[in-house]
Amino acid sequence: MGITKNKVVLLASAGMLTVGLGTTGAVAADMIGSGKIIDDSIRSVDLKDGGVKYRDLHPSVTNKIENLQQQVADLEARVADLENSSTTAEWVPNEGATIVDDTTVSLTIEEGGATSIETQDLNVPVQAGDEISFDIALEDGATCTAGAPRMFVEIGGTFVNSYDDQTGCAGDSAPPSTENGTVTFTVPENGRIGQAGFVYDNGIAGTVTITNVTIDGNPVEFQ
């Protein structure tokens, strides 16, 4: 079947239109410069994938990216530090102290007595402001008073006690208490906890059970 005259004209016109559009686009591409682009008119859909480089970004954007990269690096360093630390150090109970399970110890004394459970190297990195907490249960006449029961930690040669901030039942200015509860205190400086221990030495007979010990939310295990 032959092509009619009208079809020939139509095809020819279409071909010329295509060529014309192609030429116009090429010319336009050569003529359009930065000064002719309306501010804020370019959208994501107008950009070629991979066409925008890091150097093309506004400083406010690159600054945010760099800040995020630094935060990620700091977190990775903290995670690595924690992975290299140990919360299962060797705890040594003195007479009257007993390791009940992974997270619980008991301290029992007679009238006028004292006992403790201690480790020479807890090996836990800490930062100023980290919170240390533990739960206490007082039994058989045990009383929280005169600085006991307490936890102590050594950071860079400096010893910090759970009653140092004068709060809680073991604080020097706090009244005696026989109520169970949670004792918390704050790490004063960056460093790594070496020696640590729990002490009951106020001479009042009874048993103190200590459990749920955490440092910055991370559990401390006794075995």
N, C-alpha and C. Protein backbone atom coordinates (compact mmCIF):
# COMPACT_ATOMS: atom_id res chain seq x y z
N MET A 1 0.86 -1.19 0.00
CA MET A 1 0.00 0.00 0.00
C MET A 1 0.89 1.23 0.00
N GLY A 2 0.63 2.22 -0.88
CA GLY A 2 1.45 3.40 -0.97
C GLY A 2 1.10 4.42 0.08
N ILE A 3 2.00 5.39 0.28
CA ILE A 3 1.79 6.46 1.25
C ILE A 3 1.14 7.62 0.53
N THR A 4 0.04 8.13 1.05
CA THR A 4 -0.67 9.23 0.40
C THR A 4 0.10 10.52 0.56
N LYS A 5 -0.27 11.50 -0.27
CA LYS A 5 0.41 12.80 -0.24
C LYS A 5 0.27 13.47 1.11
N ASN A 6 -0.93 13.35 1.70
CA ASN A 6 -1.15 13.98 3.02
C ASN A 6 -0.24 13.38 4.09
N LYS A 7 -0.06 12.05 4.00
CA LYS A 7 0.79 11.39 4.98
C LYS A 7 2.24 11.82 4.82
N VAL A 8 2.66 12.00 3.56
CA VAL A 8 4.03 12.45 3.31
C VAL A 8 4.25 13.83 3.91
N VAL A 9 3.28 14.71 3.69
CA VAL A 9 3.38 16.06 4.24
C VAL A 9 3.43 16.02 5.77
N LEU A 10 2.58 15.17 6.36
CA LEU A 10 2.51 15.07 7.82
C LEU A 10 3.83 14.56 8.40
N LEU A 11 4.40 13.53 7.76
CA LEU A 11 5.66 12.99 8.23
C LEU A 11 6.79 14.00 8.08
N ALA A 12 6.78 14.71 6.96
CA ALA A 12 7.82 15.72 6.73
C ALA A 12 7.72 16.83 7.77
N SER A 13 6.50 17.23 8.07
CA SER A 13 6.30 18.30 9.06
C SER A 13 6.78 17.86 10.44
N ALA A 14 6.46 16.61 10.77
CA ALA A 14 6.88 16.09 12.07
C ALA A 14 8.40 16.05 12.18
N GLY A 15 9.05 15.64 11.06
CA GLY A 15 10.50 15.59 11.06
C GLY A 15 11.11 16.96 11.23
N MET A 16 10.55 17.95 10.55
CA MET A 16 11.07 19.31 10.66
C MET A 16 10.88 19.84 12.08
N LEU A 17 9.72 19.50 12.68
CA LEU A 17 9.45 19.96 14.04
C LEU A 17 10.46 19.37 15.02
N THR A 18 10.77 18.08 14.82
CA THR A 18 11.73 17.43 15.70
C THR A 18 13.10 18.06 15.58
N VAL A 19 13.53 18.30 14.34
CA VAL A 19 14.82 18.93 14.12
C VAL A 19 14.84 20.32 14.71
N GLY A 20 13.72 21.03 14.49
CA GLY A 20 13.63 22.39 15.00
C GLY A 20 13.72 22.44 16.51
N LEU A 21 13.02 21.53 17.17
CA LEU A 21 13.07 21.50 18.63
C LEU A 21 14.46 21.16 19.13
N GLY A 22 15.09 20.21 18.43
CA GLY A 22 16.44 19.83 18.84
C GLY A 22 17.40 20.99 18.70
N THR A 23 17.29 21.71 17.63
CA THR A 23 18.17 22.85 17.41
C THR A 23 17.92 23.94 18.42
N THR A 24 16.61 24.18 18.67
CA THR A 24 16.26 25.22 19.64
C THR A 24 16.81 24.89 21.01
N GLY A 25 16.71 23.59 21.41
CA GLY A 25 17.22 23.18 22.71
C GLY A 25 18.71 23.40 22.81
N ALA A 26 19.43 23.08 21.73
CA ALA A 26 20.88 23.24 21.74
C ALA A 26 21.25 24.70 21.86
N VAL A 27 20.53 25.53 21.11
CA VAL A 27 20.81 26.96 21.16
C VAL A 27 20.49 27.51 22.54
N ALA A 28 19.32 27.05 23.08
CA ALA A 28 18.91 27.54 24.40
C ALA A 28 19.93 27.16 25.46
N ALA A 29 20.45 25.92 25.32
CA ALA A 29 21.43 25.47 26.30
C ALA A 29 22.67 26.34 26.27
N ASP A 30 23.02 26.81 25.07
CA ASP A 30 24.19 27.66 24.96
C ASP A 30 23.92 29.07 25.47
N MET A 31 22.65 29.47 25.46
CA MET A 31 22.33 30.86 25.77
C MET A 31 21.94 31.08 27.23
N ILE A 32 21.37 30.04 27.91
CA ILE A 32 20.89 30.23 29.28
C ILE A 32 22.06 30.21 30.25
N GLY A 33 22.19 31.27 31.00
CA GLY A 33 23.24 31.36 32.00
C GLY A 33 22.65 31.51 33.39
N SER A 34 23.52 31.57 34.38
CA SER A 34 23.07 31.67 35.76
C SER A 34 22.20 32.89 36.00
N GLY A 35 22.54 33.99 35.31
CA GLY A 35 21.80 35.22 35.51
C GLY A 35 20.38 35.16 35.02
N LYS A 36 20.08 34.21 34.10
CA LYS A 36 18.73 34.12 33.54
C LYS A 36 17.85 33.11 34.28
N ILE A 37 18.41 32.44 35.28
CA ILE A 37 17.61 31.49 36.06
C ILE A 37 16.97 32.22 37.23
N ILE A 38 15.67 32.10 37.35
CA ILE A 38 14.95 32.76 38.43
C ILE A 38 15.35 32.12 39.76
N ASP A 39 15.64 32.96 40.73
CA ASP A 39 16.03 32.45 42.05
C ASP A 39 14.96 31.53 42.60
N ASP A 40 15.41 30.43 43.21
CA ASP A 40 14.53 29.45 43.86
C ASP A 40 13.59 28.75 42.89
N SER A 41 13.93 28.77 41.59
CA SER A 41 13.04 28.13 40.61
C SER A 41 13.47 26.71 40.28
N ILE A 42 14.73 26.34 40.57
CA ILE A 42 15.22 25.00 40.27
C ILE A 42 14.78 24.05 41.38
N ARG A 43 14.17 22.93 40.98
CA ARG A 43 13.70 21.94 41.93
C ARG A 43 14.48 20.65 41.78
N SER A 44 14.26 19.73 42.71
CA SER A 44 14.98 18.46 42.70
C SER A 44 14.77 17.71 41.39
N VAL A 45 13.54 17.77 40.85
CA VAL A 45 13.22 17.04 39.63
C VAL A 45 14.01 17.58 38.44
N ASP A 46 14.47 18.84 38.53
CA ASP A 46 15.22 19.45 37.42
C ASP A 46 16.69 19.06 37.42
N LEU A 47 17.15 18.44 38.49
CA LEU A 47 18.57 18.13 38.61
C LEU A 47 18.88 16.71 38.18
N LYS A 48 19.99 16.54 37.52
CA LYS A 48 20.44 15.22 37.11
C LYS A 48 21.02 14.49 38.33
N ASP A 49 20.70 13.20 38.45
CA ASP A 49 21.23 12.42 39.56
C ASP A 49 22.75 12.49 39.57
N GLY A 50 23.31 12.83 40.71
CA GLY A 50 24.76 12.92 40.83
C GLY A 50 25.33 14.21 40.29
N GLY A 51 24.45 15.11 39.87
CA GLY A 51 24.93 16.35 39.27
C GLY A 51 25.41 17.38 40.28
N VAL A 52 24.89 17.29 41.53
CA VAL A 52 25.28 18.24 42.57
C VAL A 52 26.38 17.62 43.42
N LYS A 53 27.50 18.31 43.52
CA LYS A 53 28.64 17.82 44.29
C LYS A 53 28.67 18.48 45.66
N TYR A 54 29.50 17.91 46.56
CA TYR A 54 29.61 18.45 47.92
C TYR A 54 30.03 19.92 47.90
N ARG A 55 30.92 20.25 46.96
CA ARG A 55 31.40 21.64 46.88
C ARG A 55 30.32 22.61 46.46
N ASP A 56 29.22 22.09 45.89
CA ASP A 56 28.13 22.96 45.44
C ASP A 56 27.17 23.32 46.57
N LEU A 57 27.27 22.63 47.71
CA LEU A 57 26.34 22.85 48.80
C LEU A 57 26.65 24.15 49.55
N HIS A 58 25.62 24.74 50.11
CA HIS A 58 25.77 25.97 50.88
C HIS A 58 26.53 25.66 52.18
N PRO A 59 27.37 26.59 52.65
CA PRO A 59 28.12 26.35 53.90
C PRO A 59 27.25 25.95 55.08
N SER A 60 26.03 26.47 55.15
CA SER A 60 25.15 26.10 56.27
C SER A 60 24.82 24.61 56.24
N VAL A 61 24.76 24.05 55.03
CA VAL A 61 24.47 22.61 54.89
C VAL A 61 25.71 21.79 55.20
N THR A 62 26.85 22.21 54.64
CA THR A 62 28.09 21.44 54.88
C THR A 62 28.49 21.49 56.36
N ASN A 63 28.21 22.61 57.03
CA ASN A 63 28.52 22.70 58.46
C ASN A 63 27.70 21.69 59.26
N LYS A 64 26.42 21.55 58.91
CA LYS A 64 25.57 20.58 59.60
C LYS A 64 26.05 19.16 59.35
N ILE A 65 26.46 18.89 58.11
CA ILE A 65 26.97 17.56 57.78
C ILE A 65 28.23 17.26 58.58
N GLU A 66 29.13 18.24 58.66
CA GLU A 66 30.37 18.04 59.41
C GLU A 66 30.10 17.85 60.90
N ASN A 67 29.12 18.58 61.43
CA ASN A 67 28.76 18.41 62.85
C ASN A 67 28.21 17.01 63.11
N LEU A 68 27.37 16.52 62.19
CA LEU A 68 26.82 15.18 62.33
C LEU A 68 27.92 14.13 62.23
N GLN A 69 28.86 14.34 61.31
CA GLN A 69 29.98 13.40 61.18
C GLN A 69 30.80 13.35 62.46
N GLN A 70 31.00 14.50 63.10
CA GLN A 70 31.76 14.54 64.35
C GLN A 70 31.01 13.83 65.46
N GLN A 71 29.68 14.01 65.50
CA GLN A 71 28.87 13.33 66.52
C GLN A 71 28.94 11.82 66.34
N VAL A 72 28.88 11.38 65.09
CA VAL A 72 28.98 9.94 64.81
C VAL A 72 30.35 9.41 65.24
N ALA A 73 31.40 10.17 64.94
CA ALA A 73 32.75 9.75 65.33
C ALA A 73 32.88 9.66 66.85
N ASP A 74 32.29 10.63 67.56
CA ASP A 74 32.34 10.61 69.02
C ASP A 74 31.61 9.40 69.58
N LEU A 75 30.44 9.09 68.99
CA LEU A 75 29.67 7.93 69.45
C LEU A 75 30.42 6.63 69.17
N GLU A 76 31.04 6.55 68.00
CA GLU A 76 31.80 5.34 67.67
C GLU A 76 32.96 5.15 68.64
N ALA A 77 33.61 6.26 69.02
CA ALA A 77 34.72 6.18 69.97
C ALA A 77 34.22 5.73 71.33
N ARG A 78 33.04 6.24 71.74
CA ARG A 78 32.47 5.85 73.04
C ARG A 78 32.10 4.37 73.04
N VAL A 79 31.51 3.90 71.93
CA VAL A 79 31.14 2.49 71.83
C VAL A 79 32.38 1.61 71.90
N ALA A 80 33.43 2.01 71.18
CA ALA A 80 34.67 1.24 71.19
C ALA A 80 35.26 1.20 72.60
N ASP A 81 35.16 2.32 73.30
CA ASP A 81 35.67 2.38 74.67
C ASP A 81 34.91 1.43 75.58
N LEU A 82 33.58 1.41 75.41
CA LEU A 82 32.76 0.53 76.22
C LEU A 82 33.02 -0.94 75.90
N GLU A 83 33.23 -1.22 74.60
CA GLU A 83 33.50 -2.60 74.20
C GLU A 83 34.83 -3.09 74.76
N ASN A 84 35.76 -2.16 74.97
CA ASN A 84 37.06 -2.53 75.50
C ASN A 84 37.09 -2.54 77.02
N SER A 85 35.96 -2.16 77.63
CA SER A 85 35.89 -2.15 79.09
C SER A 85 35.23 -3.42 79.59
N SER A 86 35.18 -3.56 80.89
CA SER A 86 34.58 -4.75 81.48
C SER A 86 33.70 -4.37 82.65
N THR A 87 32.46 -4.87 82.65
CA THR A 87 31.59 -4.68 83.80
C THR A 87 31.42 -6.00 84.54
N THR A 88 32.30 -6.95 84.27
CA THR A 88 32.29 -8.23 84.98
C THR A 88 33.65 -8.42 85.64
N ALA A 89 34.10 -7.40 86.35
CA ALA A 89 35.39 -7.46 87.03
C ALA A 89 35.34 -8.48 88.16
N GLU A 90 36.50 -8.79 88.70
CA GLU A 90 36.57 -9.74 89.81
C GLU A 90 36.22 -9.03 91.11
N TRP A 91 35.08 -9.38 91.67
CA TRP A 91 34.63 -8.81 92.93
C TRP A 91 35.03 -9.75 94.07
N VAL A 92 35.60 -9.17 95.12
CA VAL A 92 36.06 -9.97 96.26
C VAL A 92 35.22 -9.61 97.49
N PRO A 93 34.40 -10.54 97.98
CA PRO A 93 33.60 -10.26 99.18
C PRO A 93 34.41 -10.51 100.45
N ASN A 94 34.35 -9.58 101.38
CA ASN A 94 34.96 -9.77 102.69
C ASN A 94 33.99 -10.55 103.59
N GLU A 95 34.44 -10.91 104.79
CA GLU A 95 33.60 -11.70 105.69
C GLU A 95 32.28 -10.97 105.95
N GLY A 96 31.19 -11.67 105.74
CA GLY A 96 29.86 -11.09 105.92
C GLY A 96 29.23 -10.64 104.61
N ALA A 97 30.02 -10.58 103.55
CA ALA A 97 29.51 -10.18 102.23
C ALA A 97 29.35 -11.42 101.35
N THR A 98 28.28 -11.44 100.55
CA THR A 98 28.00 -12.60 99.71
C THR A 98 27.51 -12.15 98.34
N ILE A 99 28.03 -12.78 97.30
CA ILE A 99 27.50 -12.55 95.95
C ILE A 99 26.31 -13.49 95.78
N VAL A 100 25.12 -12.92 95.66
CA VAL A 100 23.89 -13.72 95.55
C VAL A 100 23.69 -14.21 94.13
N ASP A 101 23.82 -13.31 93.16
CA ASP A 101 23.74 -13.67 91.75
C ASP A 101 24.46 -12.60 90.94
N ASP A 102 24.27 -12.61 89.62
CA ASP A 102 25.00 -11.68 88.76
C ASP A 102 24.81 -10.22 89.13
N THR A 103 23.63 -9.88 89.63
CA THR A 103 23.32 -8.47 89.87
C THR A 103 23.03 -8.14 91.33
N THR A 104 23.28 -9.08 92.23
CA THR A 104 22.89 -8.87 93.63
C THR A 104 23.99 -9.31 94.59
N VAL A 105 24.22 -8.48 95.62
CA VAL A 105 25.12 -8.86 96.72
C VAL A 105 24.44 -8.53 98.04
N SER A 106 24.85 -9.22 99.10
CA SER A 106 24.32 -8.90 100.43
C SER A 106 25.48 -8.63 101.38
N LEU A 107 25.26 -7.68 102.29
CA LEU A 107 26.26 -7.30 103.28
C LEU A 107 25.64 -7.47 104.66
N THR A 108 26.20 -8.36 105.48
CA THR A 108 25.64 -8.65 106.80
C THR A 108 26.69 -8.41 107.88
N ILE A 109 26.30 -7.68 108.92
CA ILE A 109 27.23 -7.43 110.03
C ILE A 109 26.52 -7.64 111.36
N GLU A 110 27.33 -7.90 112.38
CA GLU A 110 26.84 -7.94 113.75
C GLU A 110 27.02 -6.55 114.36
N GLU A 111 26.48 -6.35 115.54
CA GLU A 111 26.59 -5.04 116.19
C GLU A 111 28.06 -4.63 116.31
N GLY A 112 28.36 -3.44 115.82
CA GLY A 112 29.72 -2.93 115.87
C GLY A 112 30.61 -3.40 114.73
N GLY A 113 30.06 -4.21 113.83
CA GLY A 113 30.87 -4.78 112.76
C GLY A 113 30.89 -3.95 111.49
N ALA A 114 31.57 -4.49 110.48
CA ALA A 114 31.69 -3.83 109.18
C ALA A 114 32.05 -4.87 108.13
N THR A 115 31.62 -4.63 106.90
CA THR A 115 31.99 -5.53 105.81
C THR A 115 31.90 -4.77 104.49
N SER A 116 32.40 -5.42 103.44
CA SER A 116 32.37 -4.78 102.11
C SER A 116 32.61 -5.83 101.04
N ILE A 117 32.31 -5.45 99.81
CA ILE A 117 32.68 -6.23 98.64
C ILE A 117 33.34 -5.26 97.67
N GLU A 118 34.52 -5.63 97.14
CA GLU A 118 35.31 -4.66 96.38
C GLU A 118 35.96 -5.30 95.15
N THR A 119 36.29 -4.45 94.19
CA THR A 119 37.08 -4.86 93.03
C THR A 119 38.21 -3.86 92.85
N GLN A 120 39.35 -4.34 92.42
CA GLN A 120 40.50 -3.46 92.21
C GLN A 120 40.47 -2.76 90.86
N ASP A 121 39.67 -3.28 89.93
CA ASP A 121 39.63 -2.66 88.60
C ASP A 121 38.30 -2.95 87.92
N LEU A 122 37.35 -2.04 88.12
CA LEU A 122 36.05 -2.20 87.44
C LEU A 122 36.20 -1.94 85.95
N ASN A 123 37.12 -1.05 85.58
CA ASN A 123 37.47 -0.80 84.18
C ASN A 123 36.28 -0.35 83.35
N VAL A 124 35.63 0.72 83.81
CA VAL A 124 34.48 1.28 83.09
C VAL A 124 34.74 2.76 82.79
N PRO A 125 34.72 3.16 81.51
CA PRO A 125 34.91 4.58 81.17
C PRO A 125 33.67 5.38 81.55
N VAL A 126 33.88 6.58 82.08
CA VAL A 126 32.76 7.44 82.48
C VAL A 126 33.04 8.87 82.04
N GLN A 127 31.96 9.64 81.99
CA GLN A 127 32.07 11.06 81.68
C GLN A 127 31.38 11.85 82.78
N ALA A 128 31.84 13.07 82.97
CA ALA A 128 31.23 13.93 83.98
C ALA A 128 29.73 14.04 83.74
N GLY A 129 28.96 13.83 84.79
CA GLY A 129 27.51 13.90 84.67
C GLY A 129 26.84 12.55 84.56
N ASP A 130 27.61 11.48 84.28
CA ASP A 130 27.02 10.14 84.25
C ASP A 130 26.45 9.80 85.63
N GLU A 131 25.32 9.11 85.63
CA GLU A 131 24.68 8.76 86.90
C GLU A 131 24.97 7.31 87.27
N ILE A 132 25.31 7.10 88.52
CA ILE A 132 25.50 5.76 89.07
C ILE A 132 24.35 5.51 90.05
N SER A 133 23.73 4.36 89.97
CA SER A 133 22.60 4.09 90.87
C SER A 133 22.60 2.63 91.30
N PHE A 134 21.99 2.38 92.46
CA PHE A 134 21.82 1.01 92.94
C PHE A 134 20.65 0.98 93.93
N ASP A 135 20.00 -0.16 94.00
CA ASP A 135 18.87 -0.35 94.91
C ASP A 135 19.35 -0.99 96.20
N ILE A 136 18.77 -0.57 97.33
CA ILE A 136 19.11 -1.18 98.62
C ILE A 136 17.85 -1.69 99.30
N ALA A 137 17.99 -2.83 99.97
CA ALA A 137 16.93 -3.38 100.81
C ALA A 137 17.54 -3.64 102.19
N LEU A 138 16.92 -3.07 103.23
CA LEU A 138 17.44 -3.16 104.60
C LEU A 138 16.64 -4.20 105.38
N GLU A 139 17.36 -5.15 105.98
CA GLU A 139 16.69 -6.24 106.69
C GLU A 139 17.34 -6.47 108.06
N ASP A 140 16.56 -7.09 108.94
CA ASP A 140 17.06 -7.54 110.25
C ASP A 140 17.69 -6.41 111.06
N GLY A 141 17.11 -5.23 110.97
CA GLY A 141 17.59 -4.11 111.77
C GLY A 141 18.59 -3.20 111.09
N ALA A 142 19.01 -3.55 109.89
CA ALA A 142 19.98 -2.71 109.17
C ALA A 142 19.41 -1.31 108.96
N THR A 143 20.27 -0.31 109.08
CA THR A 143 19.84 1.08 108.96
C THR A 143 20.79 1.83 108.03
N CYS A 144 20.22 2.70 107.23
CA CYS A 144 21.03 3.53 106.33
C CYS A 144 21.34 4.83 107.06
N THR A 145 22.59 4.94 107.52
CA THR A 145 22.99 6.13 108.27
C THR A 145 24.51 6.18 108.38
N ALA A 146 25.03 7.33 108.75
CA ALA A 146 26.47 7.51 109.00
C ALA A 146 27.33 7.06 107.82
N GLY A 147 26.86 7.35 106.61
CA GLY A 147 27.66 7.04 105.42
C GLY A 147 27.61 5.60 104.97
N ALA A 148 26.65 4.83 105.47
CA ALA A 148 26.56 3.42 105.07
C ALA A 148 25.09 2.99 105.05
N PRO A 149 24.75 2.09 104.11
CA PRO A 149 25.63 1.51 103.09
C PRO A 149 25.96 2.54 102.01
N ARG A 150 27.09 2.34 101.36
CA ARG A 150 27.53 3.27 100.33
C ARG A 150 28.29 2.53 99.24
N MET A 151 28.41 3.20 98.11
CA MET A 151 29.27 2.72 97.04
C MET A 151 30.39 3.73 96.86
N PHE A 152 31.59 3.24 96.61
CA PHE A 152 32.69 4.14 96.28
C PHE A 152 33.29 3.73 94.94
N VAL A 153 33.76 4.72 94.20
CA VAL A 153 34.46 4.46 92.94
C VAL A 153 35.71 5.33 92.91
N GLU A 154 36.73 4.83 92.26
CA GLU A 154 37.99 5.58 92.12
C GLU A 154 38.16 5.96 90.65
N ILE A 155 38.34 7.26 90.40
CA ILE A 155 38.52 7.77 89.04
C ILE A 155 39.80 8.58 89.00
N GLY A 156 40.80 8.06 88.33
CA GLY A 156 42.07 8.78 88.22
C GLY A 156 42.71 9.08 89.56
N GLY A 157 42.56 8.17 90.51
CA GLY A 157 43.17 8.36 91.82
C GLY A 157 42.31 9.09 92.82
N THR A 158 41.16 9.61 92.39
CA THR A 158 40.24 10.31 93.29
C THR A 158 39.06 9.41 93.63
N PHE A 159 38.77 9.29 94.92
CA PHE A 159 37.67 8.43 95.36
C PHE A 159 36.39 9.26 95.51
N VAL A 160 35.31 8.72 94.97
CA VAL A 160 34.00 9.36 95.02
C VAL A 160 33.05 8.41 95.73
N ASN A 161 32.29 8.94 96.70
CA ASN A 161 31.33 8.12 97.45
C ASN A 161 29.90 8.51 97.11
N SER A 162 29.00 7.55 97.28
CA SER A 162 27.60 7.81 96.95
C SER A 162 26.96 8.83 97.87
N TYR A 163 27.57 9.13 99.02
CA TYR A 163 26.98 10.12 99.92
C TYR A 163 27.66 11.48 99.82
N ASP A 164 28.60 11.66 98.90
CA ASP A 164 29.37 12.91 98.83
C ASP A 164 28.50 14.14 98.60
N ASP A 165 27.39 13.98 97.88
CA ASP A 165 26.55 15.15 97.60
C ASP A 165 25.56 15.42 98.73
N GLN A 166 25.70 14.68 99.85
CA GLN A 166 24.88 14.91 101.04
C GLN A 166 23.40 14.63 100.82
N THR A 167 23.08 13.78 99.87
CA THR A 167 21.69 13.41 99.65
C THR A 167 21.52 11.92 99.91
N GLY A 168 20.28 11.49 100.10
CA GLY A 168 20.03 10.08 100.37
C GLY A 168 20.23 9.78 101.84
N CYS A 169 19.84 8.58 102.25
CA CYS A 169 19.86 8.24 103.68
C CYS A 169 21.27 8.15 104.24
N ALA A 170 22.28 7.97 103.38
CA ALA A 170 23.65 7.82 103.88
C ALA A 170 24.41 9.14 103.93
N GLY A 171 23.78 10.22 103.51
CA GLY A 171 24.45 11.51 103.57
C GLY A 171 24.68 11.95 105.01
N ASP A 172 25.79 12.63 105.27
CA ASP A 172 26.12 13.02 106.64
C ASP A 172 25.03 13.86 107.30
N SER A 173 24.32 14.67 106.49
CA SER A 173 23.31 15.55 107.06
C SER A 173 21.90 14.96 106.98
N ALA A 174 21.78 13.73 106.48
CA ALA A 174 20.46 13.11 106.34
C ALA A 174 20.13 12.27 107.57
N PRO A 175 18.85 12.20 107.93
CA PRO A 175 18.46 11.39 109.10
C PRO A 175 18.56 9.90 108.79
N PRO A 176 18.72 9.06 109.82
CA PRO A 176 18.75 7.61 109.62
C PRO A 176 17.46 7.13 108.97
N SER A 177 17.56 6.04 108.22
CA SER A 177 16.39 5.52 107.54
C SER A 177 16.44 4.00 107.51
N THR A 178 15.27 3.39 107.61
CA THR A 178 15.16 1.94 107.47
C THR A 178 14.32 1.59 106.25
N GLU A 179 14.12 2.56 105.37
CA GLU A 179 13.30 2.33 104.18
C GLU A 179 14.17 1.88 103.01
N ASN A 180 13.62 0.96 102.23
CA ASN A 180 14.30 0.52 101.02
C ASN A 180 14.19 1.61 99.95
N GLY A 181 15.10 1.58 99.00
CA GLY A 181 15.02 2.59 97.95
C GLY A 181 16.19 2.52 96.99
N THR A 182 16.34 3.58 96.21
CA THR A 182 17.40 3.67 95.21
C THR A 182 18.35 4.80 95.57
N VAL A 183 19.63 4.52 95.54
CA VAL A 183 20.65 5.53 95.81
C VAL A 183 21.29 5.92 94.49
N THR A 184 21.40 7.22 94.24
CA THR A 184 22.03 7.70 93.00
C THR A 184 23.07 8.76 93.33
N PHE A 185 24.10 8.81 92.52
CA PHE A 185 25.08 9.89 92.62
C PHE A 185 25.70 10.11 91.25
N THR A 186 26.38 11.24 91.10
CA THR A 186 26.83 11.68 89.78
C THR A 186 28.35 11.64 89.68
N VAL A 187 28.84 11.18 88.54
CA VAL A 187 30.28 11.16 88.28
C VAL A 187 30.76 12.60 88.09
N PRO A 188 31.79 13.04 88.82
CA PRO A 188 32.21 14.44 88.76
C PRO A 188 33.15 14.78 87.61
N GLU A 189 33.79 13.79 87.00
CA GLU A 189 34.79 14.09 85.98
C GLU A 189 34.94 12.94 85.00
N ASN A 190 35.48 13.24 83.83
CA ASN A 190 35.74 12.21 82.83
C ASN A 190 36.88 11.31 83.30
N GLY A 191 36.82 10.06 82.92
CA GLY A 191 37.90 9.14 83.29
C GLY A 191 37.46 7.70 83.18
N ARG A 192 38.10 6.86 83.93
CA ARG A 192 37.79 5.43 83.94
C ARG A 192 37.77 4.95 85.39
N ILE A 193 36.72 4.23 85.75
CA ILE A 193 36.61 3.72 87.12
C ILE A 193 37.56 2.55 87.30
N GLY A 194 38.42 2.67 88.29
CA GLY A 194 39.32 1.57 88.64
C GLY A 194 38.74 0.81 89.82
N GLN A 195 39.18 1.15 91.03
CA GLN A 195 38.65 0.49 92.22
C GLN A 195 37.19 0.88 92.44
N ALA A 196 36.43 -0.05 93.00
CA ALA A 196 35.03 0.22 93.32
C ALA A 196 34.60 -0.76 94.40
N GLY A 197 33.56 -0.39 95.14
CA GLY A 197 33.10 -1.30 96.18
C GLY A 197 31.83 -0.82 96.85
N PHE A 198 31.23 -1.73 97.62
CA PHE A 198 30.05 -1.43 98.43
C PHE A 198 30.40 -1.74 99.88
N VAL A 199 30.05 -0.81 100.76
CA VAL A 199 30.48 -0.90 102.16
C VAL A 199 29.28 -0.74 103.09
N TYR A 200 29.23 -1.59 104.13
CA TYR A 200 28.28 -1.40 105.22
C TYR A 200 29.07 -1.45 106.52
N ASP A 201 29.32 -0.27 107.11
CA ASP A 201 30.23 -0.21 108.25
C ASP A 201 29.77 0.76 109.34
N ASN A 202 28.45 0.95 109.48
CA ASN A 202 27.98 1.87 110.52
C ASN A 202 27.79 1.19 111.87
N GLY A 203 28.11 -0.12 111.94
CA GLY A 203 28.06 -0.83 113.21
C GLY A 203 26.68 -1.25 113.66
N ILE A 204 25.65 -1.01 112.87
CA ILE A 204 24.28 -1.41 113.24
C ILE A 204 23.99 -2.77 112.61
N ALA A 205 23.73 -3.77 113.46
CA ALA A 205 23.54 -5.14 112.98
C ALA A 205 22.39 -5.24 111.98
N GLY A 206 22.59 -6.08 110.98
CA GLY A 206 21.55 -6.31 109.99
C GLY A 206 22.14 -6.69 108.65
N THR A 207 21.27 -6.83 107.67
CA THR A 207 21.69 -7.22 106.32
C THR A 207 21.21 -6.18 105.31
N VAL A 208 22.12 -5.79 104.44
CA VAL A 208 21.80 -4.87 103.34
C VAL A 208 21.95 -5.64 102.04
N THR A 209 20.89 -5.67 101.25
CA THR A 209 20.95 -6.30 99.93
C THR A 209 21.05 -5.20 98.88
N ILE A 210 22.04 -5.32 98.02
CA ILE A 210 22.29 -4.33 96.97
C ILE A 210 22.10 -4.99 95.62
N THR A 211 21.32 -4.35 94.75
CA THR A 211 21.04 -4.93 93.44
C THR A 211 20.82 -3.83 92.41
N ASN A 212 20.72 -4.25 91.15
CA ASN A 212 20.44 -3.33 90.03
C ASN A 212 21.42 -2.16 89.99
N VAL A 213 22.70 -2.47 90.04
CA VAL A 213 23.73 -1.42 89.96
C VAL A 213 23.92 -1.04 88.49
N THR A 214 23.85 0.25 88.21
CA THR A 214 24.06 0.72 86.83
C THR A 214 24.99 1.93 86.83
N ILE A 215 25.75 2.04 85.75
CA ILE A 215 26.61 3.20 85.52
C ILE A 215 26.23 3.77 84.16
N ASP A 216 25.66 4.95 84.16
CA ASP A 216 25.16 5.58 82.94
C ASP A 216 24.19 4.64 82.21
N GLY A 217 23.37 3.94 82.99
CA GLY A 217 22.37 3.05 82.42
C GLY A 217 22.87 1.66 82.07
N ASN A 218 24.18 1.43 82.18
CA ASN A 218 24.75 0.12 81.86
C ASN A 218 24.88 -0.72 83.12
N PRO A 219 24.36 -1.96 83.11
CA PRO A 219 24.39 -2.78 84.31
C PRO A 219 25.79 -3.23 84.70
N VAL A 220 26.01 -3.32 86.00
CA VAL A 220 27.27 -3.83 86.55
C VAL A 220 26.99 -5.23 87.11
N GLU A 221 27.80 -6.19 86.71
CA GLU A 221 27.62 -7.57 87.16
C GLU A 221 28.70 -7.95 88.16
N PHE A 222 28.33 -8.84 89.08
CA PHE A 222 29.25 -9.25 90.14
C PHE A 222 29.93 -10.59 89.87
N GLN A 223 29.47 -11.29 88.85
CA GLN A 223 30.11 -12.57 88.52
C GLN A 223 29.84 -12.93 87.06
